[in-house]
Amino acid sequence: MSVAVIIILFIVALFVAVCLHELGHFITAKRAGVKVEEFGIGIPPRLFGIKRGETIYSVNAIPLGAFVKAAGENDPTVPRSLAGKGPWTRLGIYAAGPLVNIFLAFVLLSAFLALPISTVASNGLMVHAVAENSPAEEAGIEPGDIILEIEGQPVRRRGDVQDIVNSVEEEAEITLFLLRNGQVEEITLKPKLDPEAQQLKIGVWLWWNMVSQVEEGSSAYEAGVRPGDTILSINGQGVYNDESISSALRSVEEGEEINLVLLRDGKETSLSLTNVGYQTLPGVELRWVDGTHIEKERLPVWRAVYLGARYIIYMPVLIIEAIPLIIKSPDMALVGPIGAGQLTVELVRSSGFSSILFMAGIISLGLGIFNLLPIPPLDGGGMLVAFIEGCRRGKRLSPRTVRLAYTIGTTFLIALAILVTFTDIWRLPRGFGL
């Protein structure tokens, strides 16, 4: 799929999420008896509008989102005004937009999880490298070994090793069967708890291949490919057997750069060479895990719905846990519309068209959560003011206090928008490395 098509789909997803957000405010305000003067698609100047009842439904020149204009948004003396409603009614109107986005995210994520997905399955996983002082090193596991089975359970997918290891009790010994030099060997080891990840680990990096030989003088050798490397992807496409490498190379026009992502000593590194019509990597011999292929899997609908809801519920926890990353690396953690578009392009190109649904869900969820922040003039700021006034039994905050809060909040949001836009633009040449 071309980058242009992906960007258009991203813009459509963002546009729909914003429009449904405003539709949530519109419907709730109407049901609460607030006079809605205009519901607009896009940002003025107005191209045309149709009046139905007391509301103008308009289409505007700048195709960025939508808006709802309620009567007396800040003047309670206006008849049927938003400001004239009670605090709890106003809180509900402000909350409606973000809640619509969160519900839309739930639907989209559940739909994405219910789709059939392609996974790589194989007759084991190959050890690329072994961490120093790890249980794997102590047990004698070596690069090039293929883990076939752990605790009687076959290892067929990348997540199997971690899932099986974490299903045993801490301090318990586990039994592994390895394929080494054509012979099956049995070893035992005791996983260690990684305090940072809070997971039991054995200390290995796994994939489906390893470079066994590189011909000196070949373009791959000149580019820096060496024996012991593991090839993770070619031009953003994951590789799992010889056919997948040929497919990735065929997608590169002759004369264009072939971008390789390698695993070397447990760390990712990127190399490039010019394509001169290669159908396989020149001068490179690879050792593969036998039987590696693509399988289609589909979750039951109830499971997809459960996981979609679970993702929504745990998102605030994930955001809190990400605060240290945001502080340490804001350039990778803070993402605005430009960064979200770039991330969508990278994800769709590496994971397929169905990931559009996932990104649309994330966009809608991010929009909903962001607007719930208690910062005027966001919806959360209006909710905060309404909540305080509700706790004061309807006694309003002084106009001066509200204006000051909105001025401070608006200044902060403008500074944040500048920072996020700058980091988005600065990240464009590097990408997210998916």
Protein backbone atom coordinates (compact mmCIF):
# COMPACT_ATOMS: atom_id res chain seq x y z
CA MET A 1 0.00 0.00 0.00
CA SER A 2 1.41 3.42 -0.97
CA VAL A 3 2.35 6.01 1.63
CA ALA A 4 -0.16 8.47 0.12
CA VAL A 5 -3.07 6.07 0.61
CA ILE A 6 -2.02 5.34 4.21
CA ILE A 7 -1.78 9.07 4.98
CA ILE A 8 -5.24 9.67 3.49
CA LEU A 9 -6.68 6.86 5.61
CA PHE A 10 -4.99 8.33 8.69
CA ILE A 11 -6.48 11.76 7.99
CA VAL A 12 -9.92 10.20 7.51
CA ALA A 13 -9.59 8.30 10.83
CA LEU A 14 -8.56 11.48 12.67
CA PHE A 15 -11.34 13.47 11.02
CA VAL A 16 -14.00 10.89 11.93
CA ALA A 17 -12.75 10.68 15.53
CA VAL A 18 -12.96 14.47 15.94
CA CYS A 19 -16.40 14.67 14.29
CA LEU A 20 -17.83 11.93 16.50
CA HIS A 21 -16.31 13.68 19.53
CA GLU A 22 -18.22 16.86 18.68
CA LEU A 23 -21.34 14.84 17.85
CA GLY A 24 -21.24 13.50 21.41
CA HIS A 25 -21.28 17.07 22.76
CA PHE A 26 -24.03 18.03 20.30
CA ILE A 27 -26.44 15.22 21.17
CA THR A 28 -25.92 15.56 24.91
CA ALA A 29 -26.36 19.33 24.82
CA LYS A 30 -29.59 19.01 22.80
CA ARG A 31 -30.98 16.42 25.20
CA ALA A 32 -30.12 18.68 28.14
CA GLY A 33 -32.13 21.53 26.59
CA VAL A 34 -29.16 23.67 25.58
CA LYS A 35 -29.68 25.75 22.46
CA VAL A 36 -27.09 24.67 19.86
CA GLU A 37 -26.64 27.46 17.35
CA GLU A 38 -24.32 25.60 14.97
CA PHE A 39 -22.85 22.17 14.32
CA GLY A 40 -20.01 22.57 11.86
CA ILE A 41 -17.89 20.15 9.87
CA GLY A 42 -14.45 21.66 9.35
CA ILE A 43 -13.18 25.03 10.57
CA PRO A 44 -14.59 28.40 9.32
CA PRO A 45 -14.84 30.27 7.03
CA ARG A 46 -18.17 28.68 6.19
CA LEU A 47 -18.72 27.29 2.69
CA PHE A 48 -22.44 26.64 3.13
CA GLY A 49 -24.95 25.79 5.81
CA ILE A 50 -28.49 24.48 6.22
CA LYS A 51 -30.70 25.57 9.10
CA ARG A 52 -32.91 22.91 10.65
CA GLY A 53 -34.92 24.12 13.60
CA GLU A 54 -32.73 26.39 15.68
CA THR A 55 -29.41 24.87 14.54
CA ILE A 56 -27.27 25.63 11.50
CA TYR A 57 -25.50 22.57 10.07
CA SER A 58 -22.49 23.90 8.19
CA VAL A 59 -19.61 22.72 6.05
CA ASN A 60 -16.50 24.87 6.41
CA ALA A 61 -13.42 25.59 4.33
CA ILE A 62 -10.67 24.11 6.52
CA PRO A 63 -11.19 20.32 6.72
CA LEU A 64 -9.84 19.89 10.26
CA GLY A 65 -12.36 18.29 12.59
CA ALA A 66 -15.66 19.82 13.65
CA PHE A 67 -17.17 22.13 16.25
CA VAL A 68 -20.33 22.75 18.26
CA LYS A 69 -21.41 26.30 19.05
CA ALA A 70 -23.77 26.43 22.00
CA ALA A 71 -25.65 29.53 23.09
CA GLY A 72 -24.09 31.39 26.02
CA GLU A 73 -21.11 29.13 26.54
CA ASN A 74 -19.75 31.58 29.14
CA ASP A 75 -22.84 33.70 29.86
CA PRO A 76 -25.45 32.15 32.16
CA THR A 77 -27.86 35.05 31.51
CA VAL A 78 -28.52 33.86 27.94
CA PRO A 79 -31.75 31.80 27.71
CA ARG A 80 -31.09 28.04 27.37
CA SER A 81 -27.35 28.67 27.52
CA LEU A 82 -24.70 26.09 28.32
CA ALA A 83 -23.34 28.27 31.12
CA GLY A 84 -26.85 28.56 32.57
CA LYS A 85 -27.18 24.82 33.17
CA GLY A 86 -26.40 23.21 36.51
CA PRO A 87 -22.84 22.03 37.18
CA TRP A 88 -23.59 18.31 36.89
CA THR A 89 -25.42 18.83 33.58
CA ARG A 90 -22.47 20.80 32.22
CA LEU A 91 -20.09 18.10 33.45
CA GLY A 92 -22.06 15.49 31.50
CA ILE A 93 -22.04 17.61 28.32
CA TYR A 94 -18.29 18.16 28.56
CA ALA A 95 -17.66 14.47 29.26
CA ALA A 96 -19.77 13.22 26.34
CA GLY A 97 -17.18 13.95 23.63
CA PRO A 98 -14.27 12.09 25.25
CA LEU A 99 -16.55 9.21 26.23
CA VAL A 100 -17.68 8.82 22.60
CA ASN A 101 -14.02 8.63 21.56
CA ILE A 102 -13.28 6.01 24.21
CA PHE A 103 -16.29 3.93 23.14
CA LEU A 104 -15.25 4.23 19.48
CA ALA A 105 -11.75 3.08 20.44
CA PHE A 106 -13.25 0.07 22.22
CA VAL A 107 -15.24 -0.88 19.09
CA LEU A 108 -12.28 -0.42 16.73
CA LEU A 109 -9.79 -2.27 18.93
CA SER A 110 -12.22 -5.14 19.47
CA ALA A 111 -12.83 -5.34 15.70
CA PHE A 112 -9.07 -5.34 15.07
CA LEU A 113 -8.52 -8.14 17.58
CA ALA A 114 -11.36 -10.17 16.05
CA LEU A 115 -9.77 -10.10 12.59
CA PRO A 116 -7.70 -13.08 11.45
CA ILE A 117 -4.03 -12.30 11.98
CA SER A 118 -0.92 -13.75 10.43
CA THR A 119 1.66 -15.16 12.82
CA VAL A 120 4.98 -16.84 12.18
CA ALA A 121 5.11 -20.43 13.47
CA SER A 122 8.05 -22.81 13.40
CA ASN A 123 9.54 -25.99 14.84
CA GLY A 124 11.39 -24.07 17.54
CA LEU A 125 13.26 -20.78 17.90
CA MET A 126 16.95 -20.13 17.31
CA VAL A 127 19.15 -18.57 19.98
CA HIS A 128 20.85 -15.49 18.53
CA ALA A 129 22.78 -14.50 21.67
CA VAL A 130 22.99 -15.34 25.38
CA ALA A 131 23.15 -12.70 28.12
CA GLU A 132 26.15 -12.75 30.43
CA ASN A 133 25.60 -14.32 33.86
CA SER A 134 22.13 -15.43 32.82
CA PRO A 135 20.49 -18.78 33.57
CA ALA A 136 20.94 -19.68 29.89
CA GLU A 137 24.69 -19.04 30.01
CA GLU A 138 25.04 -21.01 33.24
CA ALA A 139 23.14 -23.92 31.66
CA GLY A 140 25.44 -23.93 28.61
CA ILE A 141 22.99 -22.64 25.97
CA GLU A 142 24.90 -21.31 22.96
CA PRO A 143 24.10 -19.08 19.94
CA GLY A 144 22.76 -21.25 17.13
CA ASP A 145 20.93 -23.65 19.47
CA ILE A 146 17.26 -24.15 18.61
CA ILE A 147 14.87 -24.32 21.56
CA LEU A 148 12.30 -27.00 20.68
CA GLU A 149 10.40 -27.51 23.89
CA ILE A 150 10.10 -26.12 27.43
CA GLU A 151 8.41 -28.01 30.25
CA GLY A 152 6.82 -30.39 27.75
CA GLN A 153 5.30 -27.55 25.70
CA PRO A 154 6.45 -27.04 22.09
CA VAL A 155 7.98 -23.66 21.20
CA ARG A 156 6.40 -22.48 17.96
CA ARG A 157 6.06 -18.70 18.20
CA ARG A 158 8.25 -15.88 19.51
CA GLY A 159 6.16 -15.26 22.59
CA ASP A 160 6.01 -18.92 23.61
CA VAL A 161 9.30 -18.99 25.51
CA GLN A 162 8.41 -15.99 27.67
CA ASP A 163 4.85 -17.23 28.25
CA ILE A 164 5.97 -20.72 29.31
CA VAL A 165 8.80 -19.44 31.52
CA ASN A 166 6.45 -17.06 33.33
CA SER A 167 3.87 -19.78 33.88
CA VAL A 168 6.16 -21.59 36.35
CA GLU A 169 6.75 -20.66 39.96
CA GLU A 170 9.67 -18.43 40.88
CA GLU A 171 12.82 -20.36 41.87
CA ALA A 172 11.52 -23.50 40.10
CA GLU A 173 13.74 -25.41 37.68
CA ILE A 174 12.54 -25.93 34.12
CA THR A 175 13.52 -28.46 31.47
CA LEU A 176 14.38 -27.46 27.90
CA PHE A 177 15.01 -29.59 24.81
CA LEU A 178 17.50 -28.07 22.35
CA LEU A 179 18.58 -28.98 18.84
CA ARG A 180 22.38 -28.62 18.63
CA ASN A 181 24.46 -29.83 15.68
CA GLY A 182 21.61 -32.11 14.62
CA GLN A 183 21.28 -33.71 18.08
CA VAL A 184 18.50 -33.15 20.62
CA GLU A 185 19.83 -32.30 24.07
CA GLU A 186 18.04 -31.89 27.41
CA ILE A 187 19.08 -29.21 29.88
CA THR A 188 17.64 -27.73 33.07
CA LEU A 189 17.90 -24.19 34.40
CA LYS A 190 16.29 -21.89 36.91
CA PRO A 191 14.83 -18.64 35.47
CA LYS A 192 15.68 -15.36 37.22
CA LEU A 193 13.32 -12.49 37.96
CA ASP A 194 14.07 -9.34 35.98
CA PRO A 195 13.23 -6.61 38.53
CA GLU A 196 12.74 -3.95 35.85
CA ALA A 197 10.34 -5.97 33.69
CA GLN A 198 8.92 -7.94 36.64
CA GLN A 199 9.17 -11.11 34.57
CA LEU A 200 11.06 -14.37 34.84
CA LYS A 201 13.71 -14.60 32.11
CA ILE A 202 16.33 -17.10 30.99
CA GLY A 203 18.51 -14.56 29.13
CA VAL A 204 18.35 -15.32 25.40
CA TRP A 205 17.56 -13.41 22.21
CA LEU A 206 15.52 -15.46 19.74
CA TRP A 207 14.66 -15.37 16.04
CA TRP A 208 14.40 -17.77 13.09
CA ASN A 209 17.77 -17.32 11.37
CA MET A 210 21.47 -16.74 11.79
CA VAL A 211 24.09 -15.75 9.22
CA SER A 212 26.49 -18.69 8.97
CA GLN A 213 28.80 -17.32 6.27
CA VAL A 214 29.40 -14.11 4.30
CA GLU A 215 31.56 -14.15 1.19
CA GLU A 216 34.35 -11.60 1.45
CA GLY A 217 34.12 -8.92 -1.21
CA SER A 218 30.36 -9.38 -1.70
CA SER A 219 28.12 -6.31 -1.44
CA ALA A 220 26.61 -7.71 1.77
CA TYR A 221 30.10 -8.09 3.27
CA GLU A 222 31.03 -4.58 2.18
CA ALA A 223 27.81 -3.29 3.77
CA GLY A 224 28.87 -4.88 7.06
CA VAL A 225 26.93 -8.16 7.31
CA ARG A 226 28.90 -10.69 9.36
CA PRO A 227 28.56 -14.32 10.50
CA GLY A 228 26.54 -14.54 13.71
CA ASP A 229 24.21 -11.71 12.70
CA THR A 230 20.48 -12.31 12.63
CA ILE A 231 18.42 -10.62 9.91
CA LEU A 232 15.24 -9.16 11.40
CA SER A 233 13.80 -7.25 8.45
CA ILE A 234 14.44 -5.98 4.94
CA ASN A 235 12.93 -2.61 4.05
CA GLY A 236 10.50 -2.87 6.96
CA GLN A 237 9.32 -6.41 6.11
CA GLY A 238 10.02 -9.08 8.70
CA VAL A 239 11.87 -12.14 7.41
CA TYR A 240 11.34 -15.71 8.58
CA ASN A 241 12.48 -17.94 5.67
CA ASP A 242 14.16 -17.74 2.24
CA GLU A 243 10.86 -16.98 0.51
CA SER A 244 10.20 -13.99 2.76
CA ILE A 245 13.64 -12.58 1.95
CA SER A 246 13.01 -12.94 -1.80
CA SER A 247 9.61 -11.26 -1.41
CA ALA A 248 11.13 -8.35 0.51
CA LEU A 249 13.88 -7.90 -2.08
CA ARG A 250 11.38 -7.97 -4.97
CA SER A 251 9.58 -5.02 -3.38
CA VAL A 252 12.73 -2.88 -3.84
CA GLU A 253 13.22 -1.32 -7.26
CA GLU A 254 16.56 -1.87 -8.95
CA GLY A 255 18.93 0.93 -7.99
CA GLU A 256 17.12 1.68 -4.72
CA GLU A 257 18.57 1.12 -1.26
CA ILE A 258 18.01 -2.20 0.54
CA ASN A 259 17.72 -1.42 4.24
CA LEU A 260 18.60 -4.30 6.57
CA VAL A 261 17.84 -4.41 10.29
CA LEU A 262 20.13 -6.90 12.02
CA LEU A 263 20.43 -8.28 15.51
CA ARG A 264 24.08 -8.31 16.57
CA ASP A 265 25.14 -9.30 20.09
CA GLY A 266 21.58 -8.71 21.25
CA LYS A 267 21.37 -5.17 19.82
CA GLU A 268 19.65 -3.93 16.69
CA THR A 269 21.76 -2.33 13.98
CA SER A 270 20.86 -1.01 10.51
CA LEU A 271 22.81 -1.43 7.26
CA SER A 272 22.07 -0.65 3.63
CA LEU A 273 23.23 -1.68 0.17
CA THR A 274 22.08 -0.88 -3.35
CA ASN A 275 19.74 -3.31 -5.09
CA VAL A 276 21.07 -4.46 -8.47
CA GLY A 277 18.37 -7.03 -9.09
CA TYR A 278 19.01 -9.34 -6.14
CA GLN A 279 16.60 -12.19 -5.43
CA THR A 280 18.59 -13.16 -2.34
CA LEU A 281 21.24 -11.44 -0.26
CA PRO A 282 24.51 -11.70 -2.23
CA GLY A 283 27.21 -13.82 -0.65
CA VAL A 284 25.18 -14.58 2.47
CA GLU A 285 24.44 -18.08 3.74
CA LEU A 286 21.72 -18.33 6.36
CA ARG A 287 20.77 -21.09 8.75
CA TRP A 288 17.02 -21.31 9.39
CA VAL A 289 14.71 -22.99 11.85
CA ASP A 290 12.91 -25.79 9.99
CA GLY A 291 9.24 -25.49 9.14
CA THR A 292 8.94 -21.73 9.59
CA HIS A 293 5.72 -20.54 7.95
CA ILE A 294 2.78 -18.14 8.27
CA GLU A 295 -0.37 -19.26 10.07
CA LYS A 296 -3.73 -17.50 10.25
CA GLU A 297 -5.29 -17.12 13.69
CA ARG A 298 -8.59 -15.63 14.80
CA LEU A 299 -9.68 -14.84 18.35
CA PRO A 300 -13.24 -15.68 19.42
CA VAL A 301 -15.43 -12.56 19.37
CA TRP A 302 -15.94 -12.65 23.14
CA ARG A 303 -12.17 -12.81 23.67
CA ALA A 304 -11.58 -9.90 21.27
CA VAL A 305 -14.21 -7.82 23.09
CA TYR A 306 -12.68 -8.70 26.46
CA LEU A 307 -9.17 -7.76 25.33
CA GLY A 308 -10.44 -4.54 23.71
CA ALA A 309 -12.12 -3.52 26.97
CA ARG A 310 -9.06 -4.57 28.98
CA TYR A 311 -6.82 -2.40 26.81
CA ILE A 312 -9.08 0.61 27.40
CA ILE A 313 -9.25 0.03 31.16
CA TYR A 314 -5.50 -0.40 31.56
CA MET A 315 -4.51 2.53 29.34
CA PRO A 316 -4.37 5.04 32.25
CA VAL A 317 -2.03 2.63 34.07
CA LEU A 318 0.18 2.38 30.98
CA ILE A 319 0.29 6.18 30.70
CA ILE A 320 1.34 6.53 34.34
CA GLU A 321 4.03 3.87 33.88
CA ALA A 322 5.26 5.73 30.78
CA ILE A 323 5.87 9.00 32.66
CA PRO A 324 9.58 8.19 33.30
CA LEU A 325 10.00 7.51 29.55
CA ILE A 326 8.23 10.77 28.69
CA ILE A 327 10.62 12.65 30.98
CA LYS A 328 13.70 10.77 29.76
CA SER A 329 12.91 10.68 26.01
CA PRO A 330 10.10 13.12 25.15
CA ASP A 331 11.10 12.91 21.48
CA MET A 332 9.94 9.27 21.37
CA ALA A 333 7.11 9.40 23.93
CA LEU A 334 5.28 12.59 22.91
CA VAL A 335 3.41 12.15 19.63
CA GLY A 336 1.22 14.68 17.85
CA PRO A 337 -0.77 14.44 14.61
CA ILE A 338 2.38 14.42 12.44
CA GLY A 339 4.01 11.72 14.56
CA ALA A 340 0.80 9.69 14.66
CA GLY A 341 0.63 9.84 10.87
CA GLN A 342 4.24 8.68 10.57
CA LEU A 343 3.64 5.88 13.08
CA THR A 344 0.57 4.79 11.10
CA VAL A 345 2.60 4.61 7.89
CA GLU A 346 5.36 2.55 9.53
CA LEU A 347 2.91 0.21 11.26
CA VAL A 348 0.78 -0.44 8.17
CA ARG A 349 3.83 -1.06 6.00
CA SER A 350 5.31 -3.51 8.51
CA SER A 351 2.14 -5.18 9.81
CA GLY A 352 -0.41 -4.94 7.01
CA PHE A 353 -3.62 -3.09 6.19
CA SER A 354 -5.58 -4.40 9.19
CA SER A 355 -3.39 -2.33 11.51
CA ILE A 356 -5.28 0.74 10.20
CA LEU A 357 -8.11 -0.34 12.53
CA PHE A 358 -5.69 -0.55 15.44
CA MET A 359 -4.24 2.90 14.77
CA ALA A 360 -7.73 4.39 14.32
CA GLY A 361 -8.64 2.97 17.72
CA ILE A 362 -5.46 4.38 19.30
CA ILE A 363 -6.10 7.79 17.70
CA SER A 364 -9.65 7.88 19.06
CA LEU A 365 -8.52 6.69 22.49
CA GLY A 366 -5.70 9.23 22.61
CA LEU A 367 -8.10 12.02 21.62
CA GLY A 368 -10.54 10.99 24.35
CA ILE A 369 -7.94 10.69 27.11
CA PHE A 370 -6.21 13.93 26.11
CA ASN A 371 -9.49 15.85 26.28
CA LEU A 372 -10.17 14.46 29.74
CA LEU A 373 -7.06 16.17 31.13
CA PRO A 374 -8.25 18.74 33.72
CA ILE A 375 -6.72 21.65 31.82
CA PRO A 376 -8.91 24.48 30.48
CA PRO A 377 -9.91 24.89 27.67
CA LEU A 378 -10.00 21.09 27.19
CA ASP A 379 -13.21 19.24 28.06
CA GLY A 380 -11.52 18.04 31.24
CA GLY A 381 -10.99 21.67 32.26
CA GLY A 382 -14.71 22.38 31.85
CA MET A 383 -15.48 19.21 33.79
CA LEU A 384 -13.14 20.32 36.59
CA VAL A 385 -14.84 23.72 36.88
CA ALA A 386 -18.28 22.09 36.84
CA PHE A 387 -17.19 19.51 39.44
CA ILE A 388 -15.86 22.19 41.79
CA GLU A 389 -19.07 24.18 41.43
CA GLY A 390 -21.12 21.03 42.00
CA CYS A 391 -19.23 20.36 45.24
CA ARG A 392 -19.94 23.99 46.20
CA ARG A 393 -23.67 23.24 45.74
CA GLY A 394 -23.90 25.29 42.58
CA LYS A 395 -21.96 28.32 43.81
CA ARG A 396 -20.03 29.53 40.80
CA LEU A 397 -16.35 30.30 40.65
CA SER A 398 -15.62 33.96 40.03
CA PRO A 399 -15.32 34.93 36.34
CA ARG A 400 -11.82 36.24 37.08
CA THR A 401 -10.71 32.84 38.45
CA VAL A 402 -12.15 31.00 35.45
CA ARG A 403 -10.52 33.43 32.98
CA LEU A 404 -7.16 33.05 34.73
CA ALA A 405 -7.43 29.25 34.61
CA TYR A 406 -8.30 29.33 30.91
CA THR A 407 -5.45 31.74 30.13
CA ILE A 408 -2.88 29.57 31.94
CA GLY A 409 -4.28 26.38 30.41
CA THR A 410 -4.34 27.82 26.89
CA THR A 411 -0.75 29.05 27.22
CA PHE A 412 0.38 25.63 28.42
CA LEU A 413 -1.40 23.83 25.58
CA ILE A 414 0.10 26.16 22.96
CA ALA A 415 3.60 25.52 24.37
CA LEU A 416 2.89 21.77 24.42
CA ALA A 417 1.65 21.87 20.81
CA ILE A 418 4.84 23.65 19.71
CA LEU A 419 7.01 21.11 21.57
CA VAL A 420 5.16 18.10 20.18
CA THR A 421 5.16 19.48 16.63
CA PHE A 422 8.90 20.15 16.87
CA THR A 423 9.63 16.60 18.10
CA ASP A 424 7.34 15.15 15.39
CA ILE A 425 9.22 17.01 12.66
CA TRP A 426 12.63 16.17 14.19
CA ARG A 427 11.67 12.47 14.28
CA LEU A 428 10.57 12.31 10.63
CA PRO A 429 13.96 11.29 9.15
CA ARG A 430 14.60 8.66 11.85
CA GLY A 431 11.14 7.14 12.22
CA PHE A 432 9.97 4.94 15.07
CA GLY A 433 12.02 1.92 13.99
CA LEU A 434 9.10 -0.52 13.73
